[in-house]
Amino acid sequence: MMNRHSALLTGEQVYLRPLNEDDAELYYHMFYEPETRRLTGTQKHLTKDQIAGYIARKAGDDSSVLLLIALREGDEVIGDIAIQDMDRNNRTANLRIAIGDGRHQGRGYGREALVLMLDYGFGILNLHRIELEVYTYNKRALHVYESVGFVKEGVRRHTLYYNHEYHDCITMSMLEHEYRERYLPKG
């Protein structure tokens, strides 16, 4: 049921759609969900006006694709996903994802959104390498990234100071041929 918003990418359970200025309030509340902030290591504090400005800037930014993750059944927005920092010369980019409410975690929504975005990144944006970072304490995300096919490349030690502690960050990536071997039909 996608009557209110245009879907850019559609899966079985979720669809991904662009943000628009009407989403500023929603995005503001997603930004301040405590568990999402912890899992993503978010330290910034932004006003609604700053978030509205961010959405407007992203709409005109050709080095990133920022999309909301919504459930097909009911159109509820449950998170966001982005391919960002695209380097067209080297065909590389960074990916990030956040599913806010715990009710929507562990149900395969994030995994499906990741595969949709990887298909878009490798198949439409013509990327060769997509990387991401995950903090070592985010075990659920690490498991999902590995199950999707991301490969661990290394650990950056003590990169995040959050809640009175230092945390390590794992860098992971997927290459175009790895995606094609895993997800595209043979033949």
Protein backbone atom coordinates (compact mmCIF):
# COMPACT_ATOMS: atom_id res chain seq x y z
CA MET A 1 0.00 0.00 0.00
CA MET A 2 2.00 2.96 -1.27
CA ASN A 3 -0.75 5.46 -1.89
CA ARG A 4 0.76 8.45 -0.06
CA HIS A 5 4.38 8.29 -1.16
CA SER A 6 6.34 7.28 -4.20
CA ALA A 7 8.54 4.27 -3.66
CA LEU A 8 11.97 4.36 -5.25
CA LEU A 9 12.73 0.73 -4.34
CA THR A 10 10.24 -1.94 -3.33
CA GLY A 11 10.78 -5.25 -1.53
CA GLU A 12 8.42 -7.84 -0.12
CA GLN A 13 8.04 -6.20 3.30
CA VAL A 14 9.46 -2.69 2.92
CA TYR A 15 9.85 0.06 0.38
CA LEU A 16 12.39 2.86 0.26
CA ARG A 17 11.30 6.37 -0.58
CA PRO A 18 12.90 9.81 -0.75
CA LEU A 19 12.47 12.27 2.08
CA ASN A 20 10.62 15.50 1.47
CA GLU A 21 10.12 18.63 3.55
CA ASP A 22 6.97 17.13 5.09
CA ASP A 23 9.18 14.48 6.72
CA ALA A 24 11.16 16.94 8.88
CA GLU A 25 9.04 16.33 12.01
CA LEU A 26 9.17 12.55 11.58
CA TYR A 27 12.93 12.60 10.92
CA TYR A 28 13.48 14.84 13.96
CA HIS A 29 11.78 12.30 16.25
CA MET A 30 13.66 9.38 14.65
CA PHE A 31 16.92 11.26 15.23
CA TYR A 32 16.28 11.46 18.99
CA GLU A 33 15.31 7.83 19.63
CA PRO A 34 17.79 6.89 22.42
CA GLU A 35 18.63 3.34 21.32
CA THR A 36 19.16 4.40 17.70
CA ARG A 37 21.48 7.17 18.87
CA ARG A 38 23.47 4.67 20.95
CA LEU A 39 23.75 2.04 18.21
CA THR A 40 24.80 4.61 15.61
CA GLY A 41 27.05 6.54 17.99
CA THR A 42 25.16 9.77 17.27
CA GLN A 43 26.40 12.62 19.43
CA LYS A 44 25.04 15.67 17.59
CA HIS A 45 22.05 17.65 18.75
CA LEU A 46 19.98 19.26 16.03
CA THR A 47 16.86 21.42 15.96
CA LYS A 48 13.87 20.74 13.72
CA ASP A 49 14.96 23.64 11.52
CA GLN A 50 18.45 22.16 11.16
CA ILE A 51 16.94 18.80 10.20
CA ALA A 52 14.67 20.48 7.64
CA GLY A 53 17.76 22.18 6.19
CA TYR A 54 19.60 18.85 6.11
CA ILE A 55 16.73 17.24 4.18
CA ALA A 56 16.71 20.14 1.70
CA ARG A 57 20.50 19.91 1.18
CA LYS A 58 20.36 16.13 0.65
CA ALA A 59 17.70 16.58 -2.05
CA GLY A 60 20.22 18.52 -4.14
CA ASP A 61 23.28 16.45 -3.25
CA ASP A 62 24.45 14.22 -6.09
CA SER A 63 26.97 12.43 -3.86
CA SER A 64 24.32 10.78 -1.70
CA VAL A 65 20.96 9.02 -1.78
CA LEU A 66 18.99 9.33 1.47
CA LEU A 67 15.80 7.27 1.72
CA LEU A 68 13.23 6.42 4.36
CA ILE A 69 12.40 2.78 5.06
CA ALA A 70 8.64 2.21 5.23
CA LEU A 71 6.54 -0.88 5.74
CA ARG A 72 4.53 -1.87 2.68
CA GLU A 73 1.64 -2.77 4.94
CA GLY A 74 0.45 0.50 6.47
CA ASP A 75 3.13 2.89 5.13
CA GLU A 76 4.73 3.27 8.57
CA VAL A 77 8.22 4.76 8.37
CA ILE A 78 10.58 2.65 10.49
CA GLY A 79 14.03 3.99 9.64
CA ASP A 80 16.35 5.44 7.06
CA ILE A 81 19.13 4.26 4.79
CA ALA A 82 21.71 6.19 2.80
CA ILE A 83 24.42 5.72 0.24
CA GLN A 84 26.68 8.70 0.82
CA ASP A 85 30.12 10.12 0.15
CA MET A 86 30.02 8.75 -3.40
CA ASP A 87 33.30 9.03 -5.26
CA ARG A 88 32.34 8.73 -8.92
CA ASN A 89 35.97 8.48 -10.11
CA ASN A 90 36.72 5.46 -7.96
CA ARG A 91 33.11 4.15 -7.92
CA THR A 92 33.00 3.92 -4.12
CA ALA A 93 30.54 5.00 -1.45
CA ASN A 94 29.61 4.60 2.19
CA LEU A 95 26.34 3.08 3.38
CA ARG A 96 24.46 3.65 6.63
CA ILE A 97 21.15 2.38 7.97
CA ALA A 98 19.08 2.86 11.12
CA ILE A 99 15.88 1.12 12.21
CA GLY A 100 14.59 3.15 15.13
CA ASP A 101 11.88 1.41 17.11
CA GLY A 102 12.81 -1.91 18.73
CA ARG A 103 9.45 -3.33 17.58
CA HIS A 104 10.81 -3.32 14.03
CA GLN A 105 14.22 -4.81 14.75
CA GLY A 106 14.97 -8.49 14.24
CA ARG A 107 12.17 -8.91 11.68
CA GLY A 108 14.22 -8.81 8.47
CA TYR A 109 13.25 -5.25 7.51
CA GLY A 110 16.78 -3.88 7.74
CA ARG A 111 18.22 -6.80 5.83
CA GLU A 112 15.71 -6.33 3.03
CA ALA A 113 16.37 -2.57 2.91
CA LEU A 114 20.13 -3.23 2.72
CA VAL A 115 19.75 -5.64 -0.21
CA LEU A 116 17.47 -3.15 -2.03
CA MET A 117 20.01 -0.37 -1.54
CA LEU A 118 22.94 -2.57 -2.57
CA ASP A 119 21.08 -3.48 -5.76
CA TYR A 120 20.52 0.22 -6.43
CA GLY A 121 24.13 1.11 -5.63
CA PHE A 122 25.72 -1.56 -7.81
CA GLY A 123 23.05 -1.75 -10.52
CA ILE A 124 21.93 1.88 -10.99
CA LEU A 125 24.68 4.04 -9.48
CA ASN A 126 27.38 1.82 -11.04
CA LEU A 127 29.40 1.58 -7.83
CA HIS A 128 32.24 -0.90 -7.49
CA ARG A 129 32.70 -0.81 -3.69
CA ILE A 130 30.26 -0.01 -0.88
CA GLU A 131 31.60 0.21 2.64
CA LEU A 132 30.11 0.75 6.07
CA GLU A 133 31.20 1.05 9.67
CA VAL A 134 29.69 -0.59 12.72
CA TYR A 135 30.61 -0.25 16.38
CA THR A 136 31.72 -3.47 18.04
CA TYR A 137 28.91 -3.30 20.62
CA ASN A 138 26.25 -3.39 17.86
CA LYS A 139 26.26 -7.19 17.55
CA ARG A 140 22.87 -7.42 15.82
CA ALA A 141 23.93 -5.07 13.00
CA LEU A 142 27.27 -6.85 12.63
CA HIS A 143 25.44 -10.16 12.22
CA VAL A 144 23.07 -8.68 9.60
CA TYR A 145 25.93 -7.11 7.62
CA GLU A 146 27.82 -10.40 7.55
CA SER A 147 24.68 -12.31 6.54
CA VAL A 148 24.11 -9.90 3.65
CA GLY A 149 27.68 -10.45 2.45
CA PHE A 150 29.78 -7.60 3.81
CA VAL A 151 33.39 -8.55 4.57
CA LYS A 152 35.29 -7.30 7.63
CA GLU A 153 38.34 -5.30 6.63
CA GLY A 154 39.68 -4.00 9.88
CA VAL A 155 39.11 -2.41 13.25
CA ARG A 156 39.71 1.20 14.14
CA ARG A 157 40.42 1.25 17.85
CA HIS A 158 38.79 3.69 20.27
CA THR A 159 37.14 5.80 17.55
CA LEU A 160 33.99 6.64 19.50
CA TYR A 161 33.68 8.08 22.98
CA TYR A 162 30.09 7.43 24.05
CA ASN A 163 28.52 7.15 27.48
CA HIS A 164 31.84 7.44 29.33
CA GLU A 165 33.59 4.72 27.31
CA TYR A 166 35.72 4.33 24.20
CA HIS A 167 34.50 1.93 21.52
CA ASP A 168 36.10 0.28 18.50
CA CYS A 169 34.68 0.53 14.98
CA ILE A 170 34.72 -2.26 12.39
CA THR A 171 35.06 -1.33 8.72
CA MET A 172 33.28 -3.67 6.30
CA SER A 173 32.77 -3.61 2.55
CA MET A 174 31.19 -5.37 -0.39
CA LEU A 175 32.52 -5.33 -3.93
CA GLU A 176 30.41 -5.32 -7.06
CA HIS A 177 31.35 -8.88 -8.08
CA GLU A 178 30.59 -10.18 -4.56
CA TYR A 179 27.11 -8.69 -4.79
CA ARG A 180 26.50 -10.12 -8.27
CA GLU A 181 27.68 -13.62 -7.28
CA ARG A 182 25.41 -13.64 -4.24
CA TYR A 183 22.24 -11.93 -5.48
CA LEU A 184 21.97 -12.03 -9.26
CA PRO A 185 20.68 -15.11 -11.04
CA LYS A 186 23.29 -17.17 -12.84
CA GLY A 187 23.00 -17.44 -16.58
